[in-house]
N, C-alpha and C. Protein backbone atom coordinates (compact mmCIF):
# COMPACT_ATOMS: atom_id res chain seq x y z
N MET A 1 17.54 -31.79 51.19
CA MET A 1 16.43 -31.51 51.65
C MET A 1 17.81 -30.04 51.60
N LYS A 2 18.77 -29.98 52.50
CA LYS A 2 19.76 -28.98 52.37
C LYS A 2 19.84 -28.27 51.02
N LEU A 3 20.17 -29.41 50.06
CA LEU A 3 21.03 -29.09 48.66
C LEU A 3 19.54 -28.51 48.13
N ASN A 4 18.65 -28.89 48.19
CA ASN A 4 17.21 -27.93 47.77
C ASN A 4 17.07 -26.64 47.73
N ILE A 5 17.23 -26.38 49.20
CA ILE A 5 17.36 -25.02 50.03
C ILE A 5 18.30 -24.32 49.62
N THR A 6 19.93 -24.78 49.45
CA THR A 6 20.86 -24.16 48.49
C THR A 6 20.63 -23.69 47.41
N GLY A 7 19.90 -24.79 46.42
CA GLY A 7 19.67 -24.29 45.19
C GLY A 7 19.00 -23.41 45.16
N LEU A 8 17.36 -23.25 46.03
CA LEU A 8 16.75 -22.30 45.91
C LEU A 8 17.35 -21.02 45.91
N LEU A 9 17.84 -20.94 47.47
CA LEU A 9 18.55 -19.70 47.32
C LEU A 9 19.67 -19.16 46.05
N LEU A 10 20.48 -20.10 45.82
CA LEU A 10 21.25 -19.23 44.67
C LEU A 10 20.54 -19.03 43.58
N PHE A 11 19.66 -19.56 43.03
CA PHE A 11 18.80 -19.39 42.14
C PHE A 11 17.92 -17.64 42.69
N VAL A 12 17.40 -17.93 43.58
CA VAL A 12 17.01 -16.10 44.09
C VAL A 12 18.10 -15.50 43.82
N PHE A 13 19.36 -15.47 44.23
CA PHE A 13 20.27 -14.39 44.53
C PHE A 13 20.72 -14.43 43.07
N LEU A 14 20.85 -15.18 41.94
CA LEU A 14 21.22 -15.09 40.88
C LEU A 14 20.31 -14.51 39.85
N THR A 15 18.76 -14.69 39.91
CA THR A 15 18.14 -13.84 39.63
C THR A 15 18.20 -12.18 39.95
N ALA A 16 18.28 -11.93 41.06
CA ALA A 16 17.93 -10.91 41.80
C ALA A 16 19.31 -9.91 41.30
N PHE A 17 20.22 -11.06 41.37
CA PHE A 17 22.00 -9.91 40.86
C PHE A 17 21.45 -9.66 39.04
N GLY A 18 20.92 -10.60 38.36
CA GLY A 18 20.87 -10.72 36.65
C GLY A 18 20.04 -9.41 37.03
N GLN A 19 18.60 -9.32 37.68
CA GLN A 19 17.97 -7.84 37.59
C GLN A 19 18.70 -6.65 37.85
N THR A 20 19.65 -6.50 38.75
CA THR A 20 20.15 -5.91 39.10
C THR A 20 21.61 -5.31 38.21
N GLN A 21 21.89 -6.17 37.26
CA GLN A 21 22.81 -6.00 36.15
C GLN A 21 22.15 -5.35 35.16
N LYS A 22 20.81 -6.17 34.62
CA LYS A 22 19.88 -5.99 33.85
C LYS A 22 19.73 -3.84 34.09
N GLU A 23 18.96 -3.76 35.24
CA GLU A 23 18.73 -2.44 35.67
C GLU A 23 20.14 -1.30 35.17
N LYS A 24 21.03 -1.77 35.76
CA LYS A 24 22.14 -0.94 35.33
C LYS A 24 22.69 -0.73 34.05
N GLN A 25 22.30 -1.78 33.05
CA GLN A 25 22.93 -1.35 32.07
C GLN A 25 21.61 -0.28 31.12
N VAL A 26 20.60 -0.84 31.43
CA VAL A 26 19.54 -0.09 30.79
C VAL A 26 19.46 1.60 31.53
N GLU A 27 20.11 1.81 32.64
CA GLU A 27 20.48 3.26 32.71
C GLU A 27 21.52 3.71 32.27
N ARG A 28 22.78 2.50 32.07
CA ARG A 28 23.82 3.61 31.35
C ARG A 28 23.38 3.36 30.07
N GLU A 29 22.60 3.18 29.93
CA GLU A 29 22.25 3.06 28.01
C GLU A 29 21.67 4.52 27.80
N LYS A 30 20.80 4.78 28.88
CA LYS A 30 20.08 6.22 28.59
C LYS A 30 20.84 7.23 29.02
N ASN A 31 22.12 6.69 29.57
CA ASN A 31 22.36 8.05 30.26
C ASN A 31 23.82 8.23 28.66
N LYS A 32 24.10 7.68 27.74
CA LYS A 32 25.70 7.44 27.03
C LYS A 32 24.75 8.28 25.42
N VAL A 33 25.83 9.59 25.08
CA VAL A 33 25.66 9.92 24.28
C VAL A 33 26.45 9.38 22.94
N GLU A 34 26.00 9.64 21.89
CA GLU A 34 26.24 8.95 20.71
C GLU A 34 26.81 10.53 20.07
N ILE A 35 28.45 10.36 19.59
CA ILE A 35 28.89 11.10 18.81
C ILE A 35 28.75 11.19 17.27
N PHE A 36 29.00 9.73 17.03
CA PHE A 36 28.85 9.01 15.43
C PHE A 36 27.48 8.38 15.20
N THR A 37 27.30 8.58 14.21
CA THR A 37 25.74 7.55 13.53
C THR A 37 26.68 6.06 13.74
N SER A 38 25.55 4.91 13.46
CA SER A 38 25.88 3.86 13.37
C SER A 38 26.40 3.81 12.09
N ASP A 39 26.52 4.15 10.68
CA ASP A 39 26.97 4.21 9.63
C ASP A 39 28.32 4.74 9.58
N GLU A 40 28.64 5.70 10.25
CA GLU A 40 29.90 6.43 10.79
C GLU A 40 30.77 5.60 11.32
N LYS A 41 30.13 4.99 12.50
CA LYS A 41 31.00 4.20 13.27
C LYS A 41 31.28 2.99 12.16
N ASP A 42 30.64 2.37 11.37
CA ASP A 42 31.06 1.46 10.27
C ASP A 42 32.16 2.17 9.62
N ASN A 43 32.31 2.86 9.15
CA ASN A 43 33.21 3.69 7.94
C ASN A 43 34.41 3.37 9.05
N LEU A 44 33.98 4.19 10.32
CA LEU A 44 35.45 4.14 11.25
C LEU A 44 36.05 3.12 11.51
N GLN A 45 35.30 2.09 11.37
CA GLN A 45 36.01 0.30 11.34
C GLN A 45 36.83 0.17 10.39
N VAL A 46 36.30 0.52 9.34
CA VAL A 46 36.58 -0.25 8.24
C VAL A 46 38.10 0.86 8.08
N PHE A 47 38.10 2.08 8.20
CA PHE A 47 39.08 2.93 8.15
C PHE A 47 40.10 2.54 8.81
N VAL A 48 40.21 2.26 10.11
CA VAL A 48 40.96 1.51 11.53
C VAL A 48 41.49 0.30 10.60
N ALA A 49 40.80 -0.29 10.25
CA ALA A 49 41.20 -2.07 9.51
C ALA A 49 41.93 -1.67 8.16
N LYS A 50 41.66 -0.86 7.81
CA LYS A 50 42.91 -0.67 6.76
C LYS A 50 44.04 -0.03 7.04
N GLN A 51 43.91 1.04 8.17
CA GLN A 51 45.07 1.94 8.46
C GLN A 51 46.35 0.51 9.31
N VAL A 52 45.49 -0.44 10.35
CA VAL A 52 46.10 -1.58 10.76
C VAL A 52 46.74 -2.29 9.69
N GLU A 53 45.84 -3.00 9.12
CA GLU A 53 46.49 -3.68 8.03
C GLU A 53 48.14 -2.68 6.75
N GLN A 54 47.64 -1.65 6.86
CA GLN A 54 48.95 -0.89 6.55
C GLN A 54 50.34 -1.08 7.57
N MET A 55 49.83 -1.46 8.88
CA MET A 55 51.11 -1.17 9.82
C MET A 55 51.71 -2.43 9.76
N LYS A 56 51.42 -3.74 9.64
CA LYS A 56 52.05 -5.06 8.63
C LYS A 56 52.11 -5.93 10.44
N LEU A 57 51.36 -5.90 11.33
CA LEU A 57 51.61 -6.18 12.69
C LEU A 57 51.20 -7.80 12.59
N SER A 58 51.93 -8.56 13.38
CA SER A 58 51.48 -9.96 13.77
C SER A 58 50.40 -10.37 13.94
N GLU A 59 50.03 -11.38 14.05
CA GLU A 59 49.07 -11.42 14.59
C GLU A 59 48.69 -11.24 15.79
N LYS A 60 49.82 -11.73 16.79
CA LYS A 60 49.72 -11.42 18.42
C LYS A 60 49.88 -10.11 18.33
N LEU A 61 50.16 -9.31 18.00
CA LEU A 61 50.51 -7.57 17.96
C LEU A 61 49.13 -6.84 17.36
N ARG A 62 48.92 -7.35 16.62
CA ARG A 62 47.51 -7.08 16.29
C ARG A 62 46.45 -7.12 17.38
N GLU A 63 46.06 -8.36 17.65
CA GLU A 63 45.46 -8.75 18.80
C GLU A 63 45.45 -7.37 20.27
N GLU A 64 47.03 -7.47 20.47
CA GLU A 64 47.09 -6.73 21.66
C GLU A 64 46.84 -5.35 21.07
N TYR A 65 47.02 -4.47 19.98
CA TYR A 65 46.98 -3.52 19.25
C TYR A 65 45.48 -3.30 19.54
N TYR A 66 44.59 -3.75 19.08
CA TYR A 66 42.90 -3.91 18.78
C TYR A 66 42.26 -3.82 20.01
N GLY A 67 43.22 -4.45 21.14
CA GLY A 67 42.43 -5.03 22.51
C GLY A 67 42.28 -3.13 23.04
N ILE A 68 43.87 -2.78 22.99
CA ILE A 68 44.13 -1.80 23.68
C ILE A 68 43.42 -0.66 23.20
N LEU A 69 43.54 -0.10 21.90
CA LEU A 69 42.45 0.58 21.25
C LEU A 69 41.45 0.10 21.71
N LEU A 70 40.47 -0.69 21.68
CA LEU A 70 38.86 -1.14 22.09
C LEU A 70 38.69 -0.65 23.59
N TYR A 71 39.82 -1.06 24.66
CA TYR A 71 39.66 -0.21 25.41
C TYR A 71 39.77 1.17 25.84
N TYR A 72 40.98 1.58 24.85
CA TYR A 72 40.83 3.47 25.31
C TYR A 72 39.39 3.96 24.76
N THR A 73 38.50 3.30 23.43
CA THR A 73 37.62 3.92 22.43
C THR A 73 36.24 3.30 23.45
N ASN A 74 36.30 2.97 23.84
CA ASN A 74 35.27 2.41 24.95
C ASN A 74 35.20 3.32 25.61
N LYS A 75 36.00 3.64 26.94
CA LYS A 75 36.28 5.01 27.54
C LYS A 75 35.77 6.19 27.11
N MET A 76 36.70 6.50 26.00
CA MET A 76 36.48 7.90 25.48
C MET A 76 35.55 7.66 25.19
N GLY A 77 34.55 6.89 24.27
CA GLY A 77 32.94 6.92 24.46
C GLY A 77 32.06 7.47 24.93
N ARG A 78 32.87 6.85 26.50
CA ARG A 78 31.52 7.18 27.50
C ARG A 78 31.79 8.30 28.38
N ILE A 79 32.76 9.04 27.81
CA ILE A 79 32.78 10.72 28.65
C ILE A 79 31.97 11.42 28.24
N GLY A 80 30.97 11.36 27.19
CA GLY A 80 30.00 12.52 27.37
C GLY A 80 28.43 11.73 28.16
N ASP A 81 29.01 10.91 28.62
CA ASP A 81 27.40 10.45 29.47
C ASP A 81 26.60 11.32 30.19
N LYS A 82 25.34 11.40 30.53
CA LYS A 82 24.92 12.78 30.94
C LYS A 82 25.08 12.55 32.24
N ASN A 83 25.16 11.19 33.11
CA ASN A 83 25.48 11.48 34.41
C ASN A 83 26.60 11.69 35.17
N LYS A 84 27.68 11.92 33.88
CA LYS A 84 28.87 12.40 34.25
C LYS A 84 28.96 13.34 35.15
N GLY A 85 27.98 14.41 34.29
CA GLY A 85 28.19 16.02 34.55
C GLY A 85 29.53 16.70 34.32
N TYR A 86 30.47 16.36 32.98
CA TYR A 86 31.36 17.32 33.28
C TYR A 86 30.77 18.18 32.22
N THR A 87 31.79 19.15 32.27
CA THR A 87 31.61 20.49 31.19
C THR A 87 32.40 20.11 30.20
N GLU A 88 32.06 20.84 28.73
CA GLU A 88 32.73 20.57 27.28
C GLU A 88 34.41 20.55 27.94
N ALA A 89 34.84 21.76 28.56
CA ALA A 89 36.22 21.48 29.07
C ALA A 89 37.10 20.35 29.48
N GLU A 90 35.97 19.85 30.71
CA GLU A 90 36.43 18.71 31.08
C GLU A 90 36.38 17.54 30.44
N LYS A 91 35.10 17.17 29.51
CA LYS A 91 35.17 16.27 28.73
C LYS A 91 36.49 16.35 27.70
N LYS A 92 37.08 17.48 27.05
CA LYS A 92 38.20 17.58 26.36
C LYS A 92 39.41 17.24 26.84
N THR A 93 39.59 17.75 27.89
CA THR A 93 40.71 17.19 29.04
C THR A 93 40.88 16.14 28.93
N LYS A 94 39.55 15.12 29.30
CA LYS A 94 39.80 13.79 29.55
C LYS A 94 39.98 13.08 28.72
N LEU A 95 39.76 13.21 27.15
CA LEU A 95 40.12 12.47 25.84
C LEU A 95 41.18 13.00 25.60
N ASP A 96 41.81 14.09 26.06
CA ASP A 96 43.17 14.02 25.30
C ASP A 96 44.03 13.42 26.23
N ALA A 97 43.47 13.46 27.23
CA ALA A 97 44.62 12.42 28.49
C ALA A 97 44.52 10.97 28.22
N MET A 98 43.74 10.95 27.76
CA MET A 98 42.97 9.37 27.32
C MET A 98 43.71 9.09 25.76
N VAL A 99 43.95 10.26 25.06
CA VAL A 99 44.63 9.70 23.51
C VAL A 99 46.04 9.75 24.11
N ILE A 100 46.70 10.24 25.38
CA ILE A 100 48.08 10.32 25.66
C ILE A 100 48.32 9.15 25.80
N ASN A 101 47.46 8.54 26.72
CA ASN A 101 47.78 7.37 27.62
C ASN A 101 47.76 5.88 26.27
N LEU A 102 46.81 6.22 25.36
CA LEU A 102 46.62 4.86 24.14
C LEU A 102 48.00 5.31 23.49
N ASN A 103 48.14 6.05 23.18
CA ASN A 103 49.81 6.70 22.28
C ASN A 103 50.53 6.05 23.13
N ASP A 104 51.12 6.53 24.51
CA ASP A 104 51.94 6.01 25.19
C ASP A 104 52.02 4.39 25.43
N GLU A 105 50.49 3.69 25.66
CA GLU A 105 50.56 2.32 25.75
C GLU A 105 51.06 1.37 24.35
N VAL A 106 50.48 1.92 23.19
CA VAL A 106 50.86 1.39 21.83
C VAL A 106 52.15 1.70 21.70
N LYS A 107 52.71 2.79 21.70
CA LYS A 107 54.33 3.01 21.42
C LYS A 107 55.25 2.16 22.19
N GLU A 108 55.02 1.40 22.93
CA GLU A 108 55.63 0.62 23.85
C GLU A 108 55.86 -1.01 23.04
N PHE A 109 55.15 -1.30 21.77
CA PHE A 109 55.59 -2.40 21.11
C PHE A 109 55.36 -2.17 19.44
N LEU A 110 55.03 -0.87 19.24
CA LEU A 110 55.30 -0.20 17.73
C LEU A 110 56.37 -0.06 17.02
N THR A 111 56.96 -0.39 15.96
CA THR A 111 57.82 0.19 16.05
C THR A 111 57.75 1.71 15.08
N GLU A 112 58.78 2.73 14.71
CA GLU A 112 58.40 3.88 14.75
C GLU A 112 57.79 4.20 13.40
N GLU A 113 57.80 3.31 12.10
CA GLU A 113 56.76 3.28 11.12
C GLU A 113 55.23 2.94 11.65
N GLN A 114 55.16 1.77 12.41
CA GLN A 114 53.59 1.83 12.63
C GLN A 114 53.13 2.75 13.55
N TYR A 115 53.38 2.91 14.58
CA TYR A 115 53.30 4.32 15.63
C TYR A 115 52.98 5.19 14.37
N ALA A 116 53.66 5.63 13.36
CA ALA A 116 53.18 6.90 13.05
C ALA A 116 52.26 6.73 12.09
N ILE A 117 51.52 5.53 11.85
CA ILE A 117 50.78 5.67 11.20
C ILE A 117 49.47 5.56 12.52
N HIS A 118 49.93 4.73 13.22
CA HIS A 118 48.67 4.97 14.20
C HIS A 118 48.48 6.21 14.40
N ARG A 119 49.66 7.32 15.13
CA ARG A 119 49.35 8.47 15.26
C ARG A 119 48.58 9.55 14.06
N GLU A 120 49.04 9.04 13.03
CA GLU A 120 48.43 9.89 11.94
C GLU A 120 46.75 9.16 11.58
N SER A 121 46.15 8.22 11.75
CA SER A 121 44.98 7.32 12.02
C SER A 121 44.14 8.05 13.34
N PHE A 122 44.73 7.43 14.09
CA PHE A 122 43.92 7.97 15.25
C PHE A 122 44.15 9.65 15.36
N GLY A 123 45.02 10.12 15.42
CA GLY A 123 44.83 11.47 15.01
C GLY A 123 43.53 12.05 14.19
N LYS A 124 43.27 11.55 12.87
CA LYS A 124 42.13 11.77 12.37
C LYS A 124 40.69 11.45 12.98
N ILE A 125 40.58 10.56 13.31
CA ILE A 125 39.85 10.26 14.99
C ILE A 125 39.27 11.42 15.34
N VAL A 126 40.32 11.45 16.09
CA VAL A 126 40.20 12.72 17.16
C VAL A 126 39.85 13.92 16.72
N THR A 127 40.52 14.15 15.80
CA THR A 127 40.01 15.66 14.68
C THR A 127 38.64 15.50 14.40
N SER A 128 38.14 14.18 14.07
CA SER A 128 36.69 14.02 13.36
C SER A 128 35.51 14.44 14.77
N VAL A 129 36.11 14.25 16.30
CA VAL A 129 35.35 13.88 17.14
C VAL A 129 35.42 15.63 17.68
N TYR A 130 36.73 16.00 17.33
CA TYR A 130 36.67 17.25 17.60
C TYR A 130 36.10 18.57 17.06
N ASN A 131 35.67 18.25 15.69
CA ASN A 131 34.99 19.18 15.07
C ASN A 131 33.32 18.69 15.09
N ARG A 132 33.26 17.64 15.52
CA ARG A 132 31.70 17.69 16.09
C ARG A 132 31.56 17.91 17.58
N LYS A 133 31.82 18.32 17.88
CA LYS A 133 32.02 18.64 19.30
C LYS A 133 32.06 20.35 19.41
N GLY A 134 32.85 21.07 18.01
CA GLY A 134 33.13 21.90 18.17
C GLY A 134 34.14 22.57 18.84
N TRP A 135 35.40 21.53 19.16
CA TRP A 135 36.42 21.69 19.36
C TRP A 135 37.49 22.43 19.23
N THR A 136 38.34 23.24 19.78
CA THR A 136 39.63 23.81 18.88
C THR A 136 40.74 23.11 19.51
N LYS A 137 41.80 22.66 18.75
CA LYS A 137 43.23 22.07 19.31
C LYS A 137 43.65 23.29 19.62
N GLN A 138 44.66 22.66 20.96
CA GLN A 138 45.42 23.85 21.17
C GLN A 138 47.13 24.10 21.15
């Protein structure tokens, strides 16, 4: 009997937790602001893959690089969310700070040549964001 009650309580808890998570995800998606279209994102992924190929990273370093890149680009992609309420200046400042952090983190394990490829290719992506947002470089 205790097992049935425990199972029922666990089921109710997990159902409620799942519903709360789903509501949070829906809310998060409502607040999301997209800078690039789906096709443009696909093109950016191809561009990054080609740049990473040029870097000639080992499998382990490639996974580490992509993991760091994914972490920062996801954070960068959420800067413009409507619920954050940042001004354009704040968005730009936050993006610039994240780019610096990204660059510092990958510089630790890339060679000078690989890091130069990273800086050039990611710099092009940042420039395209600046252009879309109407921001100027300082």
